[in-house]
């Protein structure tokens, strides 16, 4: 799936709006919400929501497109970064200045986004990063290396066998199927 910048922008706004009252909502959480939404969608629907490329970063997976897109959104007046002091450190919070256009998303995609929000509910950045460090796709990727979407199907740290690959190909949902 090719990167869909329009959906990515709207998903950033969606998560920023949803996190307005979340004291833990910051740039780390935004990265992980985007990651979990795209990877869970790939696992359940057979395609990611945005087609973003996620890379191995020290604090866990993050979309390589986030910084340039966020800068573009700031110039467009749709988003701003607010520096706040919370829990003994500074946090950069994404603040949506525009309502997200959720008509770009299917009901299933929005449900998955809500699942990602619930998964990270009440979690500070450190805990969110620690959780993402258990994601096998992140573990197997080197720093700044792309994390393949297919790694969503890896369930064990044991070496992957040919039968594992065959099972994944047979059981991976076709695009558009749930």
N, C-alpha and C. Protein backbone atom coordinates (compact mmCIF):
# COMPACT_ATOMS: atom_id res chain seq x y z
N UNK A 1 0.85 -1.19 0.00
CA UNK A 1 0.00 0.00 0.00
C UNK A 1 0.89 1.24 0.00
N UNK A 2 0.57 2.16 -0.86
CA UNK A 2 1.31 3.42 -0.93
C UNK A 2 0.92 4.33 0.23
N UNK A 3 1.84 5.19 0.60
CA UNK A 3 1.58 6.15 1.68
C UNK A 3 0.46 7.09 1.27
N UNK A 4 -0.54 7.22 2.13
CA UNK A 4 -1.68 8.11 1.89
C UNK A 4 -1.55 9.29 2.86
N UNK A 5 -0.95 10.36 2.36
CA UNK A 5 -0.67 11.53 3.21
C UNK A 5 -1.95 12.15 3.77
N UNK A 6 -3.00 12.18 2.98
CA UNK A 6 -4.26 12.78 3.45
C UNK A 6 -4.80 12.01 4.65
N UNK A 7 -4.82 10.67 4.56
CA UNK A 7 -5.31 9.87 5.69
C UNK A 7 -4.37 9.99 6.88
N UNK A 8 -3.08 10.05 6.62
CA UNK A 8 -2.11 10.19 7.71
C UNK A 8 -2.35 11.49 8.47
N UNK A 9 -2.53 12.59 7.75
CA UNK A 9 -2.79 13.88 8.39
C UNK A 9 -4.05 13.83 9.23
N UNK A 10 -5.10 13.25 8.67
CA UNK A 10 -6.36 13.19 9.40
C UNK A 10 -6.26 12.28 10.61
N UNK A 11 -5.43 11.23 10.51
CA UNK A 11 -5.25 10.34 11.65
C UNK A 11 -4.47 11.04 12.76
N UNK A 12 -3.50 11.86 12.39
CA UNK A 12 -2.78 12.67 13.39
C UNK A 12 -3.76 13.59 14.10
N UNK A 13 -4.61 14.28 13.33
CA UNK A 13 -5.62 15.16 13.94
C UNK A 13 -6.59 14.37 14.81
N UNK A 14 -6.99 13.20 14.34
CA UNK A 14 -7.93 12.36 15.09
C UNK A 14 -7.35 11.99 16.46
N UNK A 15 -6.10 11.50 16.46
CA UNK A 15 -5.49 11.11 17.73
C UNK A 15 -5.23 12.32 18.62
N UNK A 16 -4.85 13.44 18.04
CA UNK A 16 -4.63 14.66 18.84
C UNK A 16 -5.94 15.10 19.49
N UNK A 17 -7.04 15.07 18.73
CA UNK A 17 -8.35 15.45 19.29
C UNK A 17 -8.78 14.47 20.38
N UNK A 18 -8.63 13.18 20.11
CA UNK A 18 -9.02 12.16 21.07
C UNK A 18 -8.20 12.26 22.36
N UNK A 19 -6.97 12.77 22.25
CA UNK A 19 -6.08 12.86 23.40
C UNK A 19 -6.07 14.19 24.11
N UNK A 20 -7.02 15.06 23.78
CA UNK A 20 -7.04 16.40 24.40
C UNK A 20 -7.07 16.35 25.92
N UNK A 21 -7.77 15.39 26.49
CA UNK A 21 -7.89 15.31 27.94
C UNK A 21 -7.02 14.22 28.55
N UNK A 22 -6.10 13.70 27.76
CA UNK A 22 -5.19 12.65 28.21
C UNK A 22 -3.88 13.30 28.65
N UNK A 23 -3.61 13.27 29.95
CA UNK A 23 -2.40 13.94 30.45
C UNK A 23 -1.12 13.32 29.91
N UNK A 24 -1.21 12.10 29.37
CA UNK A 24 -0.02 11.42 28.84
C UNK A 24 0.14 11.61 27.33
N UNK A 25 -0.78 12.34 26.70
CA UNK A 25 -0.71 12.50 25.25
C UNK A 25 0.46 13.42 24.90
N UNK A 26 1.42 12.87 24.22
CA UNK A 26 2.58 13.62 23.75
C UNK A 26 3.09 12.99 22.47
N UNK A 27 4.25 13.41 22.03
CA UNK A 27 4.78 12.93 20.75
C UNK A 27 5.06 11.43 20.77
N UNK A 28 5.53 10.88 21.91
CA UNK A 28 5.79 9.44 21.98
C UNK A 28 4.48 8.68 21.81
N UNK A 29 3.45 9.10 22.52
CA UNK A 29 2.16 8.41 22.43
C UNK A 29 1.57 8.52 21.03
N UNK A 30 1.71 9.68 20.40
CA UNK A 30 1.20 9.86 19.04
C UNK A 30 1.88 8.87 18.09
N UNK A 31 3.22 8.76 18.20
CA UNK A 31 3.95 7.80 17.37
C UNK A 31 3.40 6.40 17.53
N UNK A 32 3.17 5.99 18.78
CA UNK A 32 2.73 4.62 19.05
C UNK A 32 1.27 4.42 18.66
N UNK A 33 0.42 5.42 18.82
CA UNK A 33 -0.96 5.29 18.37
C UNK A 33 -1.02 5.07 16.86
N UNK A 34 -0.24 5.84 16.13
CA UNK A 34 -0.18 5.67 14.67
C UNK A 34 0.32 4.27 14.33
N UNK A 35 1.38 3.85 15.01
CA UNK A 35 1.96 2.52 14.77
C UNK A 35 0.94 1.42 15.03
N UNK A 36 0.35 1.42 16.22
CA UNK A 36 -0.58 0.36 16.57
C UNK A 36 -1.79 0.36 15.63
N UNK A 37 -2.31 1.52 15.30
CA UNK A 37 -3.47 1.58 14.41
C UNK A 37 -3.13 0.97 13.05
N UNK A 38 -2.00 1.36 12.48
CA UNK A 38 -1.63 0.83 11.17
C UNK A 38 -1.32 -0.66 11.21
N UNK A 39 -0.60 -1.10 12.23
CA UNK A 39 -0.23 -2.51 12.29
C UNK A 39 -1.42 -3.40 12.67
N UNK A 40 -2.27 -2.94 13.56
CA UNK A 40 -3.48 -3.72 13.88
C UNK A 40 -4.39 -3.81 12.66
N UNK A 41 -4.51 -2.71 11.92
CA UNK A 41 -5.32 -2.74 10.70
C UNK A 41 -4.75 -3.74 9.70
N UNK A 42 -3.43 -3.76 9.58
CA UNK A 42 -2.82 -4.72 8.66
C UNK A 42 -3.14 -6.15 9.09
N UNK A 43 -3.07 -6.40 10.38
CA UNK A 43 -3.36 -7.73 10.89
C UNK A 43 -4.81 -8.14 10.72
N UNK A 44 -5.74 -7.21 10.95
CA UNK A 44 -7.17 -7.53 10.90
C UNK A 44 -7.79 -7.34 9.52
N UNK A 45 -7.33 -6.33 8.80
CA UNK A 45 -7.97 -5.99 7.53
C UNK A 45 -7.15 -6.37 6.30
N UNK A 46 -5.87 -6.67 6.50
CA UNK A 46 -5.01 -7.00 5.38
C UNK A 46 -4.36 -5.80 4.74
N UNK A 47 -4.57 -4.62 5.31
CA UNK A 47 -3.92 -3.39 4.82
C UNK A 47 -3.79 -2.41 5.98
N UNK A 48 -2.79 -1.56 5.91
CA UNK A 48 -2.67 -0.53 6.94
C UNK A 48 -3.66 0.59 6.65
N UNK A 49 -3.82 1.49 7.57
CA UNK A 49 -4.73 2.61 7.37
C UNK A 49 -4.08 3.68 6.51
N UNK A 50 -2.80 3.99 6.79
CA UNK A 50 -2.15 5.11 6.11
C UNK A 50 -1.05 4.71 5.12
N UNK A 51 -0.53 3.49 5.23
CA UNK A 51 0.58 3.09 4.38
C UNK A 51 1.90 3.71 4.80
N UNK A 52 1.95 4.29 6.00
CA UNK A 52 3.19 4.91 6.49
C UNK A 52 4.27 3.85 6.65
N UNK A 53 5.52 4.29 6.57
CA UNK A 53 6.67 3.41 6.76
C UNK A 53 7.15 3.61 8.19
N UNK A 54 7.13 2.56 8.98
CA UNK A 54 7.54 2.63 10.39
C UNK A 54 8.97 2.11 10.52
N UNK A 55 9.74 2.84 11.32
CA UNK A 55 11.14 2.48 11.49
C UNK A 55 11.46 2.25 12.95
N UNK A 56 12.55 1.53 13.18
CA UNK A 56 13.05 1.26 14.53
C UNK A 56 13.72 2.53 15.04
N UNK A 57 13.16 3.12 16.08
CA UNK A 57 13.73 4.28 16.76
C UNK A 57 14.03 3.89 18.20
N UNK A 58 14.93 4.61 18.88
CA UNK A 58 15.27 4.23 20.26
C UNK A 58 14.07 4.12 21.20
N UNK A 59 13.05 4.97 21.04
CA UNK A 59 11.88 4.92 21.92
C UNK A 59 10.78 4.02 21.37
N UNK A 60 11.09 3.23 20.37
CA UNK A 60 10.12 2.32 19.79
C UNK A 60 9.79 2.70 18.36
N UNK A 61 8.84 1.99 17.75
CA UNK A 61 8.50 2.25 16.35
C UNK A 61 7.92 3.64 16.15
N UNK A 62 8.24 4.23 15.02
CA UNK A 62 7.69 5.53 14.67
C UNK A 62 7.61 5.67 13.16
N UNK A 63 6.62 6.43 12.66
CA UNK A 63 6.48 6.62 11.22
C UNK A 63 7.53 7.59 10.70
N UNK A 64 8.23 7.19 9.65
CA UNK A 64 9.28 8.05 9.10
C UNK A 64 8.69 9.34 8.53
N UNK A 65 7.43 9.32 8.16
CA UNK A 65 6.78 10.50 7.56
C UNK A 65 6.30 11.52 8.58
N UNK A 66 6.31 11.18 9.87
CA UNK A 66 5.66 12.05 10.85
C UNK A 66 6.24 13.46 10.90
N UNK A 67 7.55 13.60 11.01
CA UNK A 67 8.12 14.94 11.17
C UNK A 67 7.83 15.85 9.97
N UNK A 68 8.09 15.42 8.74
CA UNK A 68 7.77 16.33 7.63
C UNK A 68 6.28 16.64 7.51
N UNK A 69 5.43 15.64 7.76
CA UNK A 69 3.99 15.87 7.67
C UNK A 69 3.53 16.78 8.81
N UNK A 70 4.04 16.56 10.00
CA UNK A 70 3.68 17.43 11.13
C UNK A 70 4.10 18.87 10.86
N UNK A 71 5.29 19.07 10.32
CA UNK A 71 5.74 20.43 9.98
C UNK A 71 4.82 21.07 8.94
N UNK A 72 4.41 20.28 7.96
CA UNK A 72 3.48 20.77 6.94
C UNK A 72 2.14 21.16 7.56
N UNK A 73 1.66 20.33 8.48
CA UNK A 73 0.39 20.61 9.14
C UNK A 73 0.47 21.87 10.00
N UNK A 74 1.62 22.10 10.62
CA UNK A 74 1.81 23.31 11.41
C UNK A 74 1.77 24.54 10.51
N UNK A 75 2.42 24.46 9.35
CA UNK A 75 2.40 25.58 8.39
C UNK A 75 1.00 25.84 7.85
N UNK A 76 0.22 24.78 7.72
CA UNK A 76 -1.17 24.90 7.24
C UNK A 76 -2.12 25.40 8.32
N UNK A 77 -1.64 25.48 9.57
CA UNK A 77 -2.49 25.93 10.68
C UNK A 77 -3.45 24.86 11.18
N UNK A 78 -3.13 23.58 10.92
CA UNK A 78 -4.00 22.49 11.36
C UNK A 78 -3.55 21.85 12.67
N UNK A 79 -2.28 22.06 13.03
CA UNK A 79 -1.71 21.40 14.20
C UNK A 79 -0.64 22.30 14.79
N UNK A 80 -0.48 22.20 16.10
CA UNK A 80 0.65 22.87 16.75
C UNK A 80 1.20 21.94 17.82
N UNK A 81 2.44 22.16 18.17
CA UNK A 81 3.08 21.41 19.24
C UNK A 81 3.13 22.33 20.46
N UNK A 82 2.66 21.83 21.57
CA UNK A 82 2.63 22.61 22.80
C UNK A 82 3.59 21.96 23.80
N UNK A 83 4.54 22.73 24.30
CA UNK A 83 5.49 22.22 25.28
C UNK A 83 4.91 22.42 26.67
N UNK A 84 4.68 21.31 27.37
CA UNK A 84 4.11 21.36 28.72
C UNK A 84 5.01 20.58 29.67
N UNK A 85 4.97 20.98 30.92
CA UNK A 85 5.74 20.29 31.95
C UNK A 85 4.81 19.36 32.69
N UNK A 86 5.06 18.06 32.57
CA UNK A 86 4.21 17.05 33.21
C UNK A 86 5.09 15.97 33.81
N UNK A 87 4.75 15.55 34.99
CA UNK A 87 5.41 14.39 35.61
C UNK A 87 6.94 14.51 35.57
N UNK A 88 7.43 15.66 35.98
CA UNK A 88 8.86 15.92 36.12
C UNK A 88 9.65 15.96 34.82
N UNK A 89 9.00 16.19 33.72
CA UNK A 89 9.72 16.39 32.46
C UNK A 89 8.84 17.16 31.47
N UNK A 90 9.49 17.67 30.43
CA UNK A 90 8.75 18.38 29.39
C UNK A 90 8.19 17.38 28.39
N UNK A 91 7.03 17.71 27.88
CA UNK A 91 6.33 16.86 26.93
C UNK A 91 5.88 17.75 25.76
N UNK A 92 6.04 17.27 24.55
CA UNK A 92 5.51 17.97 23.39
C UNK A 92 4.17 17.35 23.03
N UNK A 93 3.11 18.13 23.24
CA UNK A 93 1.75 17.65 22.98
C UNK A 93 1.29 18.11 21.61
N UNK A 94 0.73 17.19 20.80
CA UNK A 94 0.12 17.63 19.55
C UNK A 94 -1.26 18.22 19.84
N UNK A 95 -1.51 19.40 19.33
CA UNK A 95 -2.80 20.06 19.54
C UNK A 95 -3.46 20.26 18.18
N UNK A 96 -4.60 19.62 17.99
CA UNK A 96 -5.34 19.75 16.74
C UNK A 96 -6.02 21.11 16.69
N UNK A 97 -5.78 21.83 15.62
CA UNK A 97 -6.41 23.14 15.43
C UNK A 97 -7.56 23.05 14.43
N UNK A 98 -7.80 21.85 13.94
CA UNK A 98 -8.84 21.59 12.96
C UNK A 98 -9.48 20.25 13.32
N UNK A 99 -10.73 20.09 13.00
CA UNK A 99 -11.40 18.81 13.25
C UNK A 99 -10.95 17.80 12.20
N UNK A 100 -10.73 16.55 12.60
CA UNK A 100 -10.33 15.54 11.62
C UNK A 100 -11.47 15.18 10.69
N UNK A 101 -11.14 14.89 9.45
CA UNK A 101 -12.13 14.45 8.47
C UNK A 101 -12.21 12.93 8.57
N UNK A 102 -13.10 12.44 9.42
CA UNK A 102 -13.18 10.99 9.64
C UNK A 102 -13.90 10.27 8.51
N UNK A 103 -14.45 11.01 7.56
CA UNK A 103 -15.12 10.35 6.42
C UNK A 103 -14.11 9.60 5.54
N UNK A 104 -12.81 9.88 5.72
CA UNK A 104 -11.78 9.18 4.95
C UNK A 104 -11.56 7.74 5.45
N UNK A 105 -12.10 7.42 6.62
CA UNK A 105 -11.85 6.13 7.25
C UNK A 105 -13.10 5.26 7.25
N UNK A 106 -12.88 3.96 7.10
CA UNK A 106 -14.00 3.02 7.21
C UNK A 106 -14.35 2.86 8.69
N UNK A 107 -15.52 2.30 8.94
CA UNK A 107 -15.92 2.03 10.32
C UNK A 107 -14.91 1.11 10.99
N UNK A 108 -14.44 0.09 10.26
CA UNK A 108 -13.47 -0.86 10.81
C UNK A 108 -12.16 -0.15 11.17
N UNK A 109 -11.72 0.77 10.34
CA UNK A 109 -10.50 1.52 10.64
C UNK A 109 -10.66 2.37 11.88
N UNK A 110 -11.80 3.03 12.02
CA UNK A 110 -12.04 3.84 13.22
C UNK A 110 -12.14 2.97 14.47
N UNK A 111 -12.73 1.79 14.34
CA UNK A 111 -12.79 0.87 15.48
C UNK A 111 -11.38 0.46 15.91
N UNK A 112 -10.52 0.21 14.95
CA UNK A 112 -9.13 -0.16 15.24
C UNK A 112 -8.41 1.01 15.92
N UNK A 113 -8.66 2.22 15.47
CA UNK A 113 -8.06 3.41 16.11
C UNK A 113 -8.50 3.51 17.57
N UNK A 114 -9.76 3.22 17.83
CA UNK A 114 -10.25 3.23 19.21
C UNK A 114 -9.60 2.10 20.02
N UNK A 115 -9.36 0.96 19.40
CA UNK A 115 -8.64 -0.12 20.07
C UNK A 115 -7.23 0.33 20.46
N UNK A 116 -6.56 1.04 19.56
CA UNK A 116 -5.21 1.54 19.85
C UNK A 116 -5.24 2.53 21.02
N UNK A 117 -6.24 3.38 21.04
CA UNK A 117 -6.39 4.35 22.15
C UNK A 117 -6.58 3.60 23.47
N UNK A 118 -7.47 2.61 23.47
CA UNK A 118 -7.71 1.82 24.68
C UNK A 118 -6.45 1.08 25.12
N UNK A 119 -5.69 0.56 24.17
CA UNK A 119 -4.47 -0.17 24.47
C UNK A 119 -3.46 0.70 25.23
N UNK A 120 -3.41 1.99 24.90
CA UNK A 120 -2.43 2.89 25.50
C UNK A 120 -3.04 3.84 26.53
N UNK A 121 -4.28 3.61 26.89
CA UNK A 121 -4.98 4.46 27.85
C UNK A 121 -4.24 4.47 29.19
N UNK A 122 -4.13 5.64 29.77
CA UNK A 122 -3.50 5.83 31.08
C UNK A 122 -2.04 5.39 31.14
N UNK A 123 -1.35 5.40 30.01
CA UNK A 123 0.06 4.99 29.97
C UNK A 123 0.96 6.19 29.72
N UNK A 124 1.95 6.39 30.59
CA UNK A 124 2.95 7.44 30.33
C UNK A 124 3.91 7.00 29.22
N UNK A 125 4.65 7.94 28.68
CA UNK A 125 5.55 7.70 27.55
C UNK A 125 6.53 6.56 27.81
N UNK A 126 7.09 6.51 29.00
CA UNK A 126 8.08 5.48 29.31
C UNK A 126 7.47 4.08 29.21
N UNK A 127 6.27 3.92 29.74
CA UNK A 127 5.59 2.62 29.68
C UNK A 127 5.23 2.27 28.25
N UNK A 128 4.78 3.25 27.49
CA UNK A 128 4.42 3.03 26.09
C UNK A 128 5.65 2.58 25.31
N UNK A 129 6.78 3.25 25.53
CA UNK A 129 8.02 2.86 24.86
C UNK A 129 8.44 1.45 25.25
N UNK A 130 8.37 1.16 26.55
CA UNK A 130 8.74 -0.18 27.03
C UNK A 130 7.88 -1.25 26.37
N UNK A 131 6.58 -1.00 26.28
CA UNK A 131 5.67 -1.96 25.65
C UNK A 131 6.06 -2.19 24.19
N UNK A 132 6.36 -1.11 23.50
CA UNK A 132 6.67 -1.24 22.07
C UNK A 132 7.99 -1.96 21.85
N UNK A 133 8.85 -1.95 22.87
CA UNK A 133 10.13 -2.66 22.75
C UNK A 133 9.94 -4.17 22.81
N UNK A 134 8.75 -4.63 23.15
CA UNK A 134 8.43 -6.05 23.13
C UNK A 134 7.85 -6.49 21.79
N UNK A 135 7.57 -5.53 20.91
CA UNK A 135 7.02 -5.83 19.59
C UNK A 135 8.13 -6.48 18.78
N UNK A 136 7.90 -7.69 18.31
CA UNK A 136 8.96 -8.45 17.67
C UNK A 136 9.47 -7.79 16.38
N UNK A 137 8.62 -7.10 15.66
CA UNK A 137 9.08 -6.38 14.48
C UNK A 137 10.11 -5.33 14.83
N UNK A 138 9.92 -4.65 15.97
CA UNK A 138 10.89 -3.65 16.43
C UNK A 138 12.18 -4.33 16.87
N UNK A 139 12.05 -5.45 17.57
CA UNK A 139 13.23 -6.18 18.07
C UNK A 139 14.11 -6.63 16.91
N UNK A 140 13.49 -7.17 15.85
CA UNK A 140 14.26 -7.73 14.74
C UNK A 140 14.81 -6.68 13.78
N UNK A 141 14.32 -5.46 13.83
CA UNK A 141 14.81 -4.39 12.95
C UNK A 141 15.97 -3.66 13.61
N UNK A 142 16.92 -3.24 12.79
CA UNK A 142 18.02 -2.43 13.29
C UNK A 142 17.58 -0.97 13.34
N UNK A 143 18.33 -0.15 14.04
CA UNK A 143 18.01 1.27 14.17
C UNK A 143 17.83 1.91 12.80
N UNK A 144 16.73 2.64 12.65
CA UNK A 144 16.31 3.34 11.43
C UNK A 144 15.90 2.41 10.30
N UNK A 145 15.85 1.11 10.57
CA UNK A 145 15.42 0.15 9.56
C UNK A 145 13.90 0.06 9.56
N UNK A 146 13.33 -0.18 8.39
CA UNK A 146 11.88 -0.33 8.25
C UNK A 146 11.41 -1.60 8.96
N UNK A 147 10.30 -1.48 9.66
CA UNK A 147 9.65 -2.61 10.31
C UNK A 147 8.56 -3.10 9.36
N UNK A 148 8.72 -4.29 8.78
CA UNK A 148 7.71 -4.78 7.83
C UNK A 148 6.36 -5.00 8.51
N UNK A 149 5.30 -4.63 7.81
CA UNK A 149 3.95 -4.84 8.35
C UNK A 149 3.69 -6.31 8.65
N UNK A 150 4.28 -7.20 7.88
CA UNK A 150 4.05 -8.63 8.05
C UNK A 150 4.49 -9.12 9.43
N UNK A 151 5.34 -8.37 10.11
CA UNK A 151 5.79 -8.80 11.44
C UNK A 151 4.67 -8.79 12.47
N UNK A 152 3.53 -8.22 12.11
CA UNK A 152 2.38 -8.25 13.02
C UNK A 152 1.95 -9.70 13.28
N UNK A 153 2.32 -10.61 12.38
CA UNK A 153 1.91 -12.01 12.53
C UNK A 153 2.92 -12.83 13.33
N UNK A 154 4.06 -12.26 13.69
CA UNK A 154 5.06 -13.01 14.46
C UNK A 154 4.63 -13.05 15.91
N UNK A 155 4.56 -14.23 16.48
CA UNK A 155 4.08 -14.38 17.85
C UNK A 155 5.13 -14.94 18.80
N UNK A 156 6.32 -15.25 18.31
CA UNK A 156 7.30 -15.90 19.16
C UNK A 156 8.70 -15.41 18.81
N UNK A 157 9.59 -15.43 19.80
CA UNK A 157 10.98 -15.08 19.55
C UNK A 157 11.77 -16.26 18.99
N UNK A 158 11.11 -17.39 18.86
CA UNK A 158 11.77 -18.56 18.27
C UNK A 158 12.04 -18.25 16.79
N UNK A 159 13.06 -18.88 16.21
CA UNK A 159 13.34 -18.65 14.78
C UNK A 159 12.12 -18.98 13.93
N UNK A 160 11.91 -18.21 12.90
CA UNK A 160 10.79 -18.41 12.00
C UNK A 160 11.13 -19.57 11.07
N UNK A 161 10.18 -20.50 10.93
CA UNK A 161 10.38 -21.66 10.07
C UNK A 161 9.63 -21.48 8.76
N UNK A 162 9.92 -22.36 7.80
CA UNK A 162 9.19 -22.31 6.54
C UNK A 162 7.71 -22.61 6.76
N UNK A 163 7.40 -23.48 7.72
CA UNK A 163 5.99 -23.75 7.99
C UNK A 163 5.30 -22.52 8.60
N UNK A 164 6.03 -21.71 9.39
CA UNK A 164 5.48 -20.46 9.92
C UNK A 164 5.13 -19.51 8.77
N UNK A 165 6.03 -19.40 7.81
CA UNK A 165 5.82 -18.51 6.66
C UNK A 165 4.61 -19.00 5.85
N UNK A 166 4.54 -20.30 5.63
CA UNK A 166 3.41 -20.86 4.88
C UNK A 166 2.09 -20.61 5.61
N UNK A 167 2.09 -20.79 6.94
CA UNK A 167 0.88 -20.54 7.73
C UNK A 167 0.46 -19.07 7.60
N UNK A 168 1.43 -18.16 7.72
CA UNK A 168 1.12 -16.72 7.65
C UNK A 168 0.53 -16.36 6.29
N UNK A 169 1.11 -16.90 5.23
CA UNK A 169 0.59 -16.60 3.88
C UNK A 169 -0.83 -17.14 3.71
N UNK A 170 -1.07 -18.32 4.25
CA UNK A 170 -2.39 -18.95 4.14
C UNK A 170 -3.43 -18.22 4.98
N UNK A 171 -3.05 -17.69 6.13
CA UNK A 171 -4.01 -17.10 7.06
C UNK A 171 -4.08 -15.58 7.02
N UNK A 172 -3.24 -14.93 6.23
CA UNK A 172 -3.28 -13.48 6.14
C UNK A 172 -4.55 -13.07 5.41
N UNK A 173 -5.33 -12.17 5.98
CA UNK A 173 -6.56 -11.75 5.30
C UNK A 173 -6.23 -11.06 3.99
N UNK A 174 -7.06 -11.28 3.00
CA UNK A 174 -6.90 -10.58 1.73
C UNK A 174 -7.37 -9.15 1.92
N UNK A 175 -6.79 -8.24 1.15
CA UNK A 175 -7.17 -6.84 1.29
C UNK A 175 -8.67 -6.68 1.16
N UNK A 176 -9.26 -5.97 2.12
CA UNK A 176 -10.68 -5.71 2.13
C UNK A 176 -11.49 -6.71 2.91
N UNK A 177 -10.84 -7.78 3.40
CA UNK A 177 -11.56 -8.76 4.21
C UNK A 177 -11.22 -8.55 5.67
N UNK A 178 -12.15 -8.86 6.54
CA UNK A 178 -11.89 -8.77 7.97
C UNK A 178 -11.62 -10.13 8.53
